[in-house]
């Protein structure tokens, strides 16, 4: 029996000079699977949102692993 999919999404608007969304769920178009992502967005001065460039990284060891030395 597969594990139940839980909502783990958290949004932090106050701790950083940007908006940090942790464990946002993104469904994949090519299958019935999904991925969990962390999203870092700028705080818009007008509060209206907008289009911004995107940087995507992917690693085999999980999204919350520090890739230091």
PDB file of N, CA and C in Angstrom:
ATOM      1  N   UNK A   1       0.844  -1.180   0.000  1.00  0.00           N
ATOM      2  CA  UNK A   1       0.000   0.000   0.000  1.00  0.00           C
ATOM      3  C   UNK A   1       0.891   1.246   0.000  1.00  0.00           C
ATOM      4  N   UNK A   2       0.688   2.184  -0.946  1.00  0.00           N
ATOM      5  CA  UNK A   2       1.545   3.376  -1.024  1.00  0.00           C
ATOM      6  C   UNK A   2       1.288   4.325   0.156  1.00  0.00           C
ATOM      7  N   UNK A   3       2.306   5.123   0.440  1.00  0.00           N
ATOM      8  CA  UNK A   3       2.169   6.118   1.501  1.00  0.00           C
ATOM      9  C   UNK A   3       1.159   7.181   1.111  1.00  0.00           C
ATOM     10  N   UNK A   4       0.447   7.683   2.095  1.00  0.00           N
ATOM     11  CA  UNK A   4      -0.507   8.766   1.853  1.00  0.00           C
ATOM     12  C   UNK A   4       0.257  10.046   1.547  1.00  0.00           C
ATOM     13  N   UNK A   5      -0.221  10.810   0.575  1.00  0.00           N
ATOM     14  CA  UNK A   5       0.412  12.079   0.223  1.00  0.00           C
ATOM     15  C   UNK A   5      -0.104  13.138   1.185  1.00  0.00           C
ATOM     16  N   UNK A   6       0.818  13.719   1.950  1.00  0.00           N
ATOM     17  CA  UNK A   6       0.457  14.745   2.921  1.00  0.00           C
ATOM     18  C   UNK A   6       0.860  16.122   2.400  1.00  0.00           C
ATOM     19  N   UNK A   7       0.146  17.127   2.851  1.00  0.00           N
ATOM     20  CA  UNK A   7       0.480  18.494   2.489  1.00  0.00           C
ATOM     21  C   UNK A   7       1.558  18.993   3.447  1.00  0.00           C
ATOM     22  N   UNK A   8       2.782  19.154   2.969  1.00  0.00           N
ATOM     23  CA  UNK A   8       3.906  19.608   3.782  1.00  0.00           C
ATOM     24  C   UNK A   8       4.313  21.039   3.445  1.00  0.00           C
ATOM     25  N   UNK A   9       3.533  21.728   2.648  1.00  0.00           N
ATOM     26  CA  UNK A   9       3.859  23.056   2.135  1.00  0.00           C
ATOM     27  C   UNK A   9       3.862  24.091   3.259  1.00  0.00           C
ATOM     28  N   UNK A  10       4.969  24.856   3.360  1.00  0.00           N
ATOM     29  CA  UNK A  10       5.095  25.945   4.333  1.00  0.00           C
ATOM     30  C   UNK A  10       5.602  27.177   3.597  1.00  0.00           C
ATOM     31  N   UNK A  11       5.090  28.344   3.967  1.00  0.00           N
ATOM     32  CA  UNK A  11       5.529  29.599   3.368  1.00  0.00           C
ATOM     33  C   UNK A  11       6.062  30.497   4.471  1.00  0.00           C
ATOM     34  N   UNK A  12       7.293  31.012   4.294  1.00  0.00           N
ATOM     35  CA  UNK A  12       7.921  31.909   5.258  1.00  0.00           C
ATOM     36  C   UNK A  12       8.124  33.264   4.595  1.00  0.00           C
ATOM     37  N   UNK A  13       7.347  34.257   5.027  1.00  0.00           N
ATOM     38  CA  UNK A  13       7.434  35.609   4.461  1.00  0.00           C
ATOM     39  C   UNK A  13       8.258  36.559   5.326  1.00  0.00           C
ATOM     40  N   UNK A  14       8.709  36.105   6.493  1.00  0.00           N
ATOM     41  CA  UNK A  14       9.289  37.045   7.452  1.00  0.00           C
ATOM     42  C   UNK A  14      10.753  36.812   7.799  1.00  0.00           C
ATOM     43  N   UNK A  15      11.262  35.606   7.699  1.00  0.00           N
ATOM     44  CA  UNK A  15      12.618  35.306   8.172  1.00  0.00           C
ATOM     45  C   UNK A  15      13.726  35.762   7.226  1.00  0.00           C
ATOM     46  N   UNK A  16      13.415  35.985   5.961  1.00  0.00           N
ATOM     47  CA  UNK A  16      14.424  36.288   4.948  1.00  0.00           C
ATOM     48  C   UNK A  16      14.003  37.515   4.149  1.00  0.00           C
ATOM     49  N   UNK A  17      14.922  38.101   3.380  1.00  0.00           N
ATOM     50  CA  UNK A  17      14.540  39.221   2.519  1.00  0.00           C
ATOM     51  C   UNK A  17      13.843  38.755   1.236  1.00  0.00           C
ATOM     52  N   UNK A  18      13.449  37.508   1.190  1.00  0.00           N
ATOM     53  CA  UNK A  18      12.712  36.912   0.074  1.00  0.00           C
ATOM     54  C   UNK A  18      11.635  36.014   0.661  1.00  0.00           C
ATOM     55  N   UNK A  19      10.758  35.501  -0.183  1.00  0.00           N
ATOM     56  CA  UNK A  19       9.720  34.564   0.242  1.00  0.00           C
ATOM     57  C   UNK A  19      10.248  33.159   0.019  1.00  0.00           C
ATOM     58  N   UNK A  20      10.187  32.333   1.048  1.00  0.00           N
ATOM     59  CA  UNK A  20      10.678  30.956   0.973  1.00  0.00           C
ATOM     60  C   UNK A  20       9.497  30.008   1.127  1.00  0.00           C
ATOM     61  N   UNK A  21       9.251  29.225   0.088  1.00  0.00           N
ATOM     62  CA  UNK A  21       8.218  28.199   0.134  1.00  0.00           C
ATOM     63  C   UNK A  21       8.908  26.849   0.185  1.00  0.00           C
ATOM     64  N   UNK A  22       8.617  26.073   1.213  1.00  0.00           N
ATOM     65  CA  UNK A  22       9.242  24.771   1.377  1.00  0.00           C
ATOM     66  C   UNK A  22       8.225  23.670   1.095  1.00  0.00           C
ATOM     67  N   UNK A  23       8.650  22.672   0.356  1.00  0.00           N
ATOM     68  CA  UNK A  23       7.845  21.498   0.025  1.00  0.00           C
ATOM     69  C   UNK A  23       6.572  21.823  -0.754  1.00  0.00           C
ATOM     70  N   UNK A  24       6.697  22.717  -1.720  1.00  0.00           N
ATOM     71  CA  UNK A  24       5.579  22.950  -2.637  1.00  0.00           C
ATOM     72  C   UNK A  24       5.447  21.709  -3.525  1.00  0.00           C
ATOM     73  N   UNK A  25       4.231  21.260  -3.746  1.00  0.00           N
ATOM     74  CA  UNK A  25       3.988  20.050  -4.534  1.00  0.00           C
ATOM     75  C   UNK A  25       3.756  20.415  -5.992  1.00  0.00           C
ATOM     76  N   UNK A  26       4.499  19.770  -6.891  1.00  0.00           N
ATOM     77  CA  UNK A  26       4.371  20.007  -8.323  1.00  0.00           C
ATOM     78  C   UNK A  26       4.039  18.682  -8.996  1.00  0.00           C
ATOM     79  N   UNK A  27       2.862  18.564  -9.617  1.00  0.00           N
ATOM     80  CA  UNK A  27       2.550  17.329 -10.337  1.00  0.00           C
ATOM     81  C   UNK A  27       3.343  17.263 -11.643  1.00  0.00           C
ATOM     82  N   UNK A  28       3.754  16.080 -12.028  1.00  0.00           N
ATOM     83  CA  UNK A  28       4.480  15.889 -13.282  1.00  0.00           C
ATOM     84  C   UNK A  28       3.484  15.617 -14.398  1.00  0.00           C
ATOM     85  N   UNK A  29       3.703  16.226 -15.543  1.00  0.00           N
ATOM     86  CA  UNK A  29       2.771  16.081 -16.665  1.00  0.00           C
ATOM     87  C   UNK A  29       2.846  14.712 -17.327  1.00  0.00           C
ATOM     88  N   UNK A  30       3.979  14.051 -17.234  1.00  0.00           N
ATOM     89  CA  UNK A  30       4.168  12.805 -17.972  1.00  0.00           C
ATOM     90  C   UNK A  30       3.829  11.552 -17.178  1.00  0.00           C
ATOM     91  N   UNK A  31       3.414  11.715 -15.921  1.00  0.00           N
ATOM     92  CA  UNK A  31       3.074  10.537 -15.121  1.00  0.00           C
ATOM     93  C   UNK A  31       2.121  10.946 -14.005  1.00  0.00           C
ATOM     94  N   UNK A  32       1.771  10.004 -13.175  1.00  0.00           N
ATOM     95  CA  UNK A  32       0.892  10.309 -12.058  1.00  0.00           C
ATOM     96  C   UNK A  32       1.682  10.675 -10.809  1.00  0.00           C
ATOM     97  N   UNK A  33       2.990  10.846 -10.939  1.00  0.00           N
ATOM     98  CA  UNK A  33       3.843  11.181  -9.806  1.00  0.00           C
ATOM     99  C   UNK A  33       3.885  12.679  -9.558  1.00  0.00           C
ATOM    100  N   UNK A  34       4.546  13.051  -8.486  1.00  0.00           N
ATOM    101  CA  UNK A  34       4.739  14.449  -8.162  1.00  0.00           C
ATOM    102  C   UNK A  34       6.117  14.626  -7.553  1.00  0.00           C
ATOM    103  N   UNK A  35       6.578  15.869  -7.490  1.00  0.00           N
ATOM    104  CA  UNK A  35       7.839  16.196  -6.841  1.00  0.00           C
ATOM    105  C   UNK A  35       7.582  17.304  -5.832  1.00  0.00           C
ATOM    106  N   UNK A  36       8.429  17.370  -4.839  1.00  0.00           N
ATOM    107  CA  UNK A  36       8.373  18.446  -3.851  1.00  0.00           C
ATOM    108  C   UNK A  36       9.539  19.379  -4.131  1.00  0.00           C
ATOM    109  N   UNK A  37       9.273  20.670  -4.143  1.00  0.00           N
ATOM    110  CA  UNK A  37      10.296  21.654  -4.482  1.00  0.00           C
ATOM    111  C   UNK A  37      10.332  22.752  -3.426  1.00  0.00           C
ATOM    112  N   UNK A  38      11.476  23.412  -3.322  1.00  0.00           N
ATOM    113  CA  UNK A  38      11.595  24.626  -2.533  1.00  0.00           C
ATOM    114  C   UNK A  38      11.629  25.795  -3.501  1.00  0.00           C
ATOM    115  N   UNK A  39      10.862  26.833  -3.207  1.00  0.00           N
ATOM    116  CA  UNK A  39      10.744  27.990  -4.096  1.00  0.00           C
ATOM    117  C   UNK A  39      11.224  29.225  -3.342  1.00  0.00           C
ATOM    118  N   UNK A  40      12.091  29.995  -3.980  1.00  0.00           N
ATOM    119  CA  UNK A  40      12.592  31.247  -3.422  1.00  0.00           C
ATOM    120  C   UNK A  40      12.126  32.365  -4.349  1.00  0.00           C
ATOM    121  N   UNK A  41      11.280  33.256  -3.837  1.00  0.00           N
ATOM    122  CA  UNK A  41      10.728  34.331  -4.665  1.00  0.00           C
ATOM    123  C   UNK A  41      11.036  35.682  -4.054  1.00  0.00           C
ATOM    124  N   UNK A  42      11.242  36.706  -4.893  1.00  0.00           N
ATOM    125  CA  UNK A  42      11.468  38.044  -4.339  1.00  0.00           C
ATOM    126  C   UNK A  42      10.176  38.600  -3.759  1.00  0.00           C
ATOM    127  N   UNK A  43      10.340  39.458  -2.769  1.00  0.00           N
ATOM    128  CA  UNK A  43       9.179  40.172  -2.236  1.00  0.00           C
ATOM    129  C   UNK A  43       8.943  41.374  -3.148  1.00  0.00           C
ATOM    130  N   UNK A  44       7.776  41.436  -3.750  1.00  0.00           N
ATOM    131  CA  UNK A  44       7.455  42.557  -4.620  1.00  0.00           C
ATOM    132  C   UNK A  44       7.025  43.742  -3.775  1.00  0.00           C
ATOM    133  N   UNK A  45       7.533  44.903  -4.126  1.00  0.00           N
ATOM    134  CA  UNK A  45       7.196  46.100  -3.357  1.00  0.00           C
ATOM    135  C   UNK A  45       5.721  46.436  -3.475  1.00  0.00           C
ATOM    136  N   UNK A  46       5.146  46.207  -4.632  1.00  0.00           N
ATOM    137  CA  UNK A  46       3.732  46.523  -4.821  1.00  0.00           C
ATOM    138  C   UNK A  46       2.819  45.409  -4.320  1.00  0.00           C
ATOM    139  N   UNK A  47       3.383  44.234  -4.051  1.00  0.00           N
ATOM    140  CA  UNK A  47       2.591  43.122  -3.564  1.00  0.00           C
ATOM    141  C   UNK A  47       1.707  42.475  -4.610  1.00  0.00           C
ATOM    142  N   UNK A  48       1.969  42.772  -5.882  1.00  0.00           N
ATOM    143  CA  UNK A  48       1.119  42.263  -6.958  1.00  0.00           C
ATOM    144  C   UNK A  48       1.663  40.998  -7.608  1.00  0.00           C
ATOM    145  N   UNK A  49       2.861  40.603  -7.254  1.00  0.00           N
ATOM    146  CA  UNK A  49       3.463  39.469  -7.957  1.00  0.00           C
ATOM    147  C   UNK A  49       4.011  39.940  -9.293  1.00  0.00           C
ATOM    148  N   UNK A  50       4.499  39.021 -10.075  1.00  0.00           N
ATOM    149  CA  UNK A  50       5.041  39.390 -11.369  1.00  0.00           C
ATOM    150  C   UNK A  50       5.910  38.281 -11.912  1.00  0.00           C
ATOM    151  N   UNK A  51       6.435  38.502 -13.091  1.00  0.00           N
ATOM    152  CA  UNK A  51       7.295  37.503 -13.721  1.00  0.00           C
ATOM    153  C   UNK A  51       8.740  37.766 -13.322  1.00  0.00           C
ATOM    154  N   UNK A  52       9.445  36.672 -13.005  1.00  0.00           N
ATOM    155  CA  UNK A  52      10.844  36.757 -12.612  1.00  0.00           C
ATOM    156  C   UNK A  52      11.602  35.608 -13.257  1.00  0.00           C
ATOM    157  N   UNK A  53      12.915  35.763 -13.489  1.00  0.00           N
ATOM    158  CA  UNK A  53      13.708  34.656 -14.013  1.00  0.00           C
ATOM    159  C   UNK A  53      13.696  33.486 -13.037  1.00  0.00           C
ATOM    160  N   UNK A  54      13.910  32.295 -13.553  1.00  0.00           N
ATOM    161  CA  UNK A  54      13.874  31.081 -12.740  1.00  0.00           C
ATOM    162  C   UNK A  54      15.205  30.355 -12.866  1.00  0.00           C
ATOM    163  N   UNK A  55      15.706  29.875 -11.730  1.00  0.00           N
ATOM    164  CA  UNK A  55      16.899  29.038 -11.697  1.00  0.00           C
ATOM    165  C   UNK A  55      16.486  27.713 -11.083  1.00  0.00           C
ATOM    166  N   UNK A  56      16.726  26.630 -11.792  1.00  0.00           N
ATOM    167  CA  UNK A  56      16.332  25.304 -11.318  1.00  0.00           C
ATOM    168  C   UNK A  56      17.583  24.459 -11.143  1.00  0.00           C
ATOM    169  N   UNK A  57      17.672  23.791 -10.002  1.00  0.00           N
ATOM    170  CA  UNK A  57      18.758  22.844  -9.785  1.00  0.00           C
ATOM    171  C   UNK A  57      18.166  21.495  -9.431  1.00  0.00           C
ATOM    172  N   UNK A  58      18.903  20.446  -9.724  1.00  0.00           N
ATOM    173  CA  UNK A  58      18.432  19.099  -9.429  1.00  0.00           C
ATOM    174  C   UNK A  58      19.629  18.276  -8.982  1.00  0.00           C
ATOM    175  N   UNK A  59      19.444  17.530  -7.920  1.00  0.00           N
ATOM    176  CA  UNK A  59      20.534  16.699  -7.434  1.00  0.00           C
ATOM    177  C   UNK A  59      20.012  15.354  -6.968  1.00  0.00           C
ATOM    178  N   UNK A  60      20.872  14.348  -6.956  1.00  0.00           N
ATOM    179  CA  UNK A  60      20.435  12.997  -6.602  1.00  0.00           C
ATOM    180  C   UNK A  60      20.254  12.772  -5.107  1.00  0.00           C
ATOM    181  N   UNK A  61      20.658  13.719  -4.254  1.00  0.00           N
ATOM    182  CA  UNK A  61      20.667  13.479  -2.816  1.00  0.00           C
ATOM    183  C   UNK A  61      19.569  14.212  -2.058  1.00  0.00           C
ATOM    184  N   UNK A  62      18.591  14.774  -2.722  1.00  0.00           N
ATOM    185  CA  UNK A  62      17.523  15.468  -2.039  1.00  0.00           C
ATOM    186  C   UNK A  62      17.682  16.972  -2.069  1.00  0.00           C
ATOM    187  N   UNK A  63      16.586  17.676  -2.000  1.00  0.00           N
ATOM    188  CA  UNK A  63      16.601  19.121  -2.155  1.00  0.00           C
ATOM    189  C   UNK A  63      17.065  19.866  -0.917  1.00  0.00           C
ATOM    190  N   UNK A  64      17.067  19.229   0.248  1.00  0.00           N
ATOM    191  CA  UNK A  64      17.440  19.921   1.486  1.00  0.00           C
ATOM    192  C   UNK A  64      18.842  19.588   1.955  1.00  0.00           C
ATOM    193  N   UNK A  65      19.641  18.920   1.118  1.00  0.00           N
ATOM    194  CA  UNK A  65      21.015  18.581   1.461  1.00  0.00           C
ATOM    195  C   UNK A  65      21.919  19.779   1.117  1.00  0.00           C
ATOM    196  N   UNK A  66      22.760  20.167   2.053  1.00  0.00           N
ATOM    197  CA  UNK A  66      23.691  21.258   1.804  1.00  0.00           C
ATOM    198  C   UNK A  66      24.813  20.764   0.893  1.00  0.00           C
ATOM    199  N   UNK A  67      25.009  21.438  -0.245  1.00  0.00           N
ATOM    200  CA  UNK A  67      26.057  21.060  -1.205  1.00  0.00           C
ATOM    201  C   UNK A  67      27.299  21.898  -0.976  1.00  0.00           C
ATOM    202  N   UNK A  68      27.862  21.797   0.174  1.00  0.00           N
ATOM    203  CA  UNK A  68      29.065  22.559   0.524  1.00  0.00           C
ATOM    204  C   UNK A  68      30.300  21.927  -0.093  1.00  0.00           C
ATOM    205  N   UNK A  69      31.318  21.871   0.655  1.00  0.00           N
ATOM    206  CA  UNK A  69      32.616  21.384   0.166  1.00  0.00           C
ATOM    207  C   UNK A  69      32.515  19.968  -0.248  1.00  0.00           C
TER     208      UNK A  69
END
